Protein backbone atom coordinates (compact mmCIF):
# COMPACT_ATOMS: atom_id res chain seq x y z
CA UNK A 1 93.36 108.94 75.13
CA UNK A 2 90.94 108.75 78.06
CA UNK A 3 89.65 111.85 79.85
CA UNK A 4 88.78 112.01 83.55
CA UNK A 5 86.09 114.41 84.75
CA UNK A 6 84.84 115.66 88.14
CA UNK A 7 84.66 114.62 90.92
CA UNK A 8 87.63 112.33 90.26
CA UNK A 9 89.77 115.33 89.28
CA UNK A 10 89.10 116.94 92.66
CA UNK A 11 90.47 113.87 94.43
CA UNK A 12 93.56 113.78 92.20
CA UNK A 13 94.31 117.47 92.74
CA UNK A 14 93.87 117.13 96.50
CA UNK A 15 96.70 114.55 96.59
CA UNK A 16 99.16 116.75 94.67
CA UNK A 17 101.92 118.59 96.52
CA UNK A 18 101.19 121.55 94.27
CA UNK A 19 97.77 122.03 95.91
CA UNK A 20 98.55 120.74 99.40
CA UNK A 21 97.99 124.15 101.03
CA UNK A 22 94.85 125.01 99.04
CA UNK A 23 91.41 124.80 100.61
CA UNK A 24 88.56 122.76 99.13
CA UNK A 25 86.91 125.79 97.53
CA UNK A 26 90.04 126.62 95.52
CA UNK A 27 90.53 123.00 94.48
CA UNK A 28 86.88 122.69 93.44
CA UNK A 29 87.19 125.80 91.30
CA UNK A 30 90.27 124.55 89.46
CA UNK A 31 88.95 120.99 89.17
CA UNK A 32 86.25 122.39 86.89
CA UNK A 33 88.85 124.06 84.65
CA UNK A 34 91.48 121.34 84.17
CA UNK A 35 91.51 117.88 82.64
CA UNK A 36 93.27 114.62 83.50
CA UNK A 37 93.95 112.50 80.41
CA UNK A 38 95.49 109.06 80.05
CA UNK A 39 97.86 108.35 77.15
CA UNK A 40 99.27 105.11 75.80
CA UNK A 41 102.91 104.16 75.46
CA UNK A 42 104.72 105.73 72.48
CA UNK A 43 102.00 108.28 71.75
CA UNK A 44 103.29 111.63 70.51
CA UNK A 45 102.28 114.44 72.86
CA UNK A 46 103.62 117.26 70.69
CA UNK A 47 106.24 117.98 68.03
CA UNK A 48 108.81 120.72 67.72
CA UNK A 49 107.14 123.80 66.25
CA UNK A 50 103.68 122.97 67.57
CA UNK A 51 101.84 125.76 69.43
CA UNK A 52 102.27 125.50 73.20
CA UNK A 53 98.83 126.21 74.61
CA UNK A 54 98.67 123.59 77.39
CA UNK A 55 100.79 123.03 80.50
CA UNK A 56 101.14 119.35 81.43
CA UNK A 57 101.98 117.91 84.85
CA UNK A 58 102.83 114.20 85.00
CA UNK A 59 100.73 112.29 87.53
CA UNK A 60 102.00 108.82 86.62
CA UNK A 61 104.09 107.27 83.87
CA UNK A 62 106.64 109.36 82.02
CA UNK A 63 107.52 111.50 79.02
CA UNK A 64 110.77 111.85 77.14
CA UNK A 65 111.81 114.95 75.25
CA UNK A 66 113.94 114.48 72.17
CA UNK A 67 115.21 116.02 68.98
CA UNK A 68 116.17 114.45 65.66
CA UNK A 69 119.86 114.44 64.76
CA UNK A 70 121.19 115.21 61.28
CA UNK A 71 121.50 111.44 60.78
CA UNK A 72 117.79 111.04 61.52
CA UNK A 73 118.22 109.48 64.97
CA UNK A 74 116.17 110.33 68.04
CA UNK A 75 118.35 111.91 70.74
CA UNK A 76 116.63 112.03 74.14
CA UNK A 77 117.79 114.91 76.32
CA UNK A 78 115.23 114.72 79.15
CA UNK A 79 113.39 111.79 80.72
CA UNK A 80 110.53 113.29 82.76
CA UNK A 81 108.90 111.55 85.72
CA UNK A 82 105.78 112.02 87.92
CA UNK A 83 105.70 115.48 89.45
CA UNK A 84 107.51 117.10 86.53
CA UNK A 85 105.89 119.78 84.40
CA UNK A 86 106.06 119.54 80.61
CA UNK A 87 106.26 122.57 78.31
CA UNK A 88 106.32 125.07 81.14
CA UNK A 89 109.13 127.22 79.71
CA UNK A 90 107.57 127.66 76.26
CA UNK A 91 104.16 128.03 77.90
CA UNK A 92 105.31 130.85 80.17
CA UNK A 93 107.10 132.62 77.29
CA UNK A 94 104.25 132.01 74.82
CA UNK A 95 106.70 130.27 72.47
CA UNK A 96 106.14 127.24 70.27
CA UNK A 97 107.47 123.89 71.46
CA UNK A 98 111.21 123.62 70.89
CA UNK A 99 111.41 119.81 71.12
CA UNK A 100 109.40 116.66 70.55
CA UNK A 101 107.62 114.81 73.37
CA UNK A 102 106.61 111.14 73.48
CA UNK A 103 104.76 109.13 76.09
CA UNK A 104 106.74 106.45 77.96
CA UNK A 105 104.42 103.78 79.33
CA UNK A 106 100.77 104.38 80.21
CA UNK A 107 100.81 107.97 81.43
CA UNK A 108 98.32 110.25 83.16
CA UNK A 109 98.64 114.00 82.72
CA UNK A 110 97.03 116.97 84.44
CA UNK A 111 96.40 119.50 81.66
CA UNK A 112 96.03 123.24 82.29
CA UNK A 113 95.06 125.81 79.66
CA UNK A 114 96.52 129.32 79.53
CA UNK A 115 93.63 131.14 81.20
CA UNK A 116 93.62 128.73 84.13
CA UNK A 117 97.42 128.89 84.34
CA UNK A 118 97.30 132.67 84.65
CA UNK A 119 94.91 132.32 87.58
CA UNK A 120 97.06 129.64 89.20
CA UNK A 121 100.27 131.64 88.83
CA UNK A 122 99.04 134.15 91.41
CA UNK A 123 99.26 131.45 94.12
CA UNK A 124 102.76 131.59 95.74
CA UNK A 125 102.96 127.81 96.12
CA UNK A 126 102.30 127.33 92.41
CA UNK A 127 104.97 129.87 91.46
CA UNK A 128 107.45 128.10 93.75
CA UNK A 129 106.62 124.74 92.15
CA UNK A 130 107.19 126.11 88.66
CA UNK A 131 110.56 127.61 89.65
CA UNK A 132 111.68 124.27 91.08
CA UNK A 133 110.62 122.26 88.05
CA UNK A 134 112.26 124.73 85.65
CA UNK A 135 115.46 124.59 87.73
CA UNK A 136 115.46 120.77 87.65
CA UNK A 137 114.99 120.75 83.90
CA UNK A 138 117.75 123.32 83.41
CA UNK A 139 120.11 121.22 85.53
CA UNK A 140 119.33 118.09 83.50
CA UNK A 141 119.85 119.95 80.24
CA UNK A 142 123.19 121.34 81.41
CA UNK A 143 124.33 117.87 82.46
CA UNK A 144 123.26 116.46 79.09
CA UNK A 145 125.11 119.19 77.16
CA UNK A 146 128.20 118.77 79.34
CA UNK A 147 128.23 115.03 78.75
CA UNK A 148 127.83 115.37 74.99
CA UNK A 149 130.53 118.02 74.69
CA UNK A 150 133.16 116.81 77.12
CA UNK A 151 132.90 113.15 78.05
CA UNK A 152 133.38 109.78 76.33
CA UNK A 153 130.70 107.12 76.08
CA UNK A 154 131.74 105.23 79.22
CA UNK A 155 131.34 108.35 81.35
CA UNK A 156 127.92 109.15 79.88
CA UNK A 157 126.77 105.54 80.27
CA UNK A 158 127.97 105.36 83.88
CA UNK A 159 126.03 108.53 84.67
CA UNK A 160 122.93 107.09 83.05
CA UNK A 161 123.09 103.86 85.06
CA UNK A 162 123.67 105.72 88.32
CA UNK A 163 120.76 108.05 87.63
CA UNK A 164 118.53 105.08 86.82
CA UNK A 165 119.67 103.45 90.03
CA UNK A 166 118.82 106.59 92.01
CA UNK A 167 115.37 106.91 90.39
CA UNK A 168 114.33 103.29 89.91
CA UNK A 169 116.77 101.25 92.00
CA UNK A 170 116.15 98.84 94.85
CA UNK A 171 118.88 97.65 97.22
CA UNK A 172 119.53 93.91 97.11
CA UNK A 173 122.03 91.64 98.82
CA UNK A 174 124.57 92.09 96.03
CA UNK A 175 123.92 95.60 94.71
CA UNK A 176 121.27 97.91 93.29
CA UNK A 177 118.64 96.40 91.03
CA UNK A 178 117.30 98.88 88.44
CA UNK A 179 113.66 97.81 88.36
CA UNK A 180 112.77 99.86 85.29
CA UNK A 181 113.51 97.78 82.17
CA UNK A 182 115.49 99.73 79.57
CA UNK A 183 116.72 98.53 76.20
CA UNK A 184 120.17 99.18 74.80
CA UNK A 185 118.55 101.14 71.99
CA UNK A 186 116.86 103.44 74.52
CA UNK A 187 120.17 103.87 76.37
CA UNK A 188 121.73 104.92 73.09
CA UNK A 189 119.01 107.51 72.54
CA UNK A 190 119.55 108.89 76.04
CA UNK A 191 123.30 109.38 75.63
CA UNK A 192 123.57 109.73 71.84
CA UNK A 193 125.45 106.49 71.15
CA UNK A 194 124.93 103.49 68.89
CA UNK A 195 123.52 100.24 70.22
CA UNK A 196 126.68 98.22 69.35
CA UNK A 197 128.84 100.64 71.37
CA UNK A 198 126.41 100.48 74.30
CA UNK A 199 126.44 96.68 74.17
CA UNK A 200 130.26 96.52 74.05
CA UNK A 201 130.63 98.75 77.09
CA UNK A 202 128.00 96.88 79.10
CA UNK A 203 129.66 93.55 78.29
CA UNK A 204 133.03 94.94 79.43
CA UNK A 205 131.53 96.08 82.73
CA UNK A 206 129.83 92.72 83.18
CA UNK A 207 133.15 90.92 82.77
CA UNK A 208 134.66 93.29 85.35
CA UNK A 209 131.74 92.64 87.74
CA UNK A 210 130.71 96.30 87.84
CA UNK A 211 127.21 95.33 86.69
CA UNK A 212 125.13 92.27 85.98
CA UNK A 213 121.81 91.39 84.36
CA UNK A 214 118.97 89.69 86.18
CA UNK A 215 115.69 88.92 84.36
CA UNK A 216 116.41 91.58 81.73
CA UNK A 217 117.14 94.20 84.40
CA UNK A 218 120.52 95.70 85.22
CA UNK A 219 122.10 95.24 88.65
CA UNK A 220 124.83 97.64 89.77
CA UNK A 221 127.40 95.58 91.71
CA UNK A 222 130.08 98.23 92.13
CA UNK A 223 128.51 101.66 92.54
CA UNK A 224 131.74 103.29 93.63
CA UNK A 225 133.57 102.28 90.44
CA UNK A 226 130.74 103.65 88.30
CA UNK A 227 130.85 106.90 90.28
CA UNK A 228 134.55 107.24 89.51
CA UNK A 229 133.95 106.55 85.82
CA UNK A 230 131.05 109.05 85.80
CA UNK A 231 133.30 111.75 87.36
CA UNK A 232 130.56 112.47 89.86
CA UNK A 233 130.66 111.71 93.56
CA UNK A 234 126.83 111.82 93.69
CA UNK A 235 124.91 111.56 90.41
CA UNK A 236 121.70 112.75 92.05
CA UNK A 237 123.29 116.00 93.24
C-alpha cells in the first residue's frame, strides 16, 4: 500500500465532484485530514465483522463486496467503481462491516476517518453525495437479491453482460465490445453460478450469434435479445 500526502491530495480533492463547490480554504483544511492510498489487485480491504472506522471513496480501480456461501464459495453482490463510497452505511450507523471487501485491479482510495467525516457531513453537497451513493448501492443489492430469488441463470447472466456493456462497453461496427476482461469464474461469483454452467450458457449464445469473443473480451452482437432474456428494457435504469 502506498500513501499520498499533501499537496498531491489537494489536487486530487479539487478534481472530485464531491468537492466541486468548495473553496480552496475548505479543500486545504480537509486535505490535511484525509489520506489517499494505493492498493494492489486482490488485496483484502476489510472482512465481515471488522470495525468500520474509515470511509473509503474510490478514485480509480474497483472493489468488490462479497460473502462466503455455506459451500465455501465467494458470492459477489456488489462491484464498486470510481466515485462509489465503500462502507458508508456501516460507518454512518457505527456498525461493524457486514461483508468482505477485496481490491480489483490497482486501486486508489480516498480515506476519511470518523472525526473528519462528521465535519464533512455538515456540508450539503457531501450529504447529497452520500444519499446518492447509498441509493445506488441499495438498488444494486435489490437487483442482486431479486435475481437470486426469482430468475434462472440465463436471466442473471444476460443482466450481467448488459451491465458490463453499459459500464465498460465500446460501440464497434458489429456490436458492443466489453473492454474490461472478466473470467468465467468471476462471472460465476457475480451471479452465484458454477463455471461449467456459465461456460455452457456462453457457448449457447455464441452459437446463436448473441455474443462473440474477441481477444479474450466479450462482444455483444444482439443487445435486444439479451435485454429480452434479462427481462429488463434498460439494464442501467
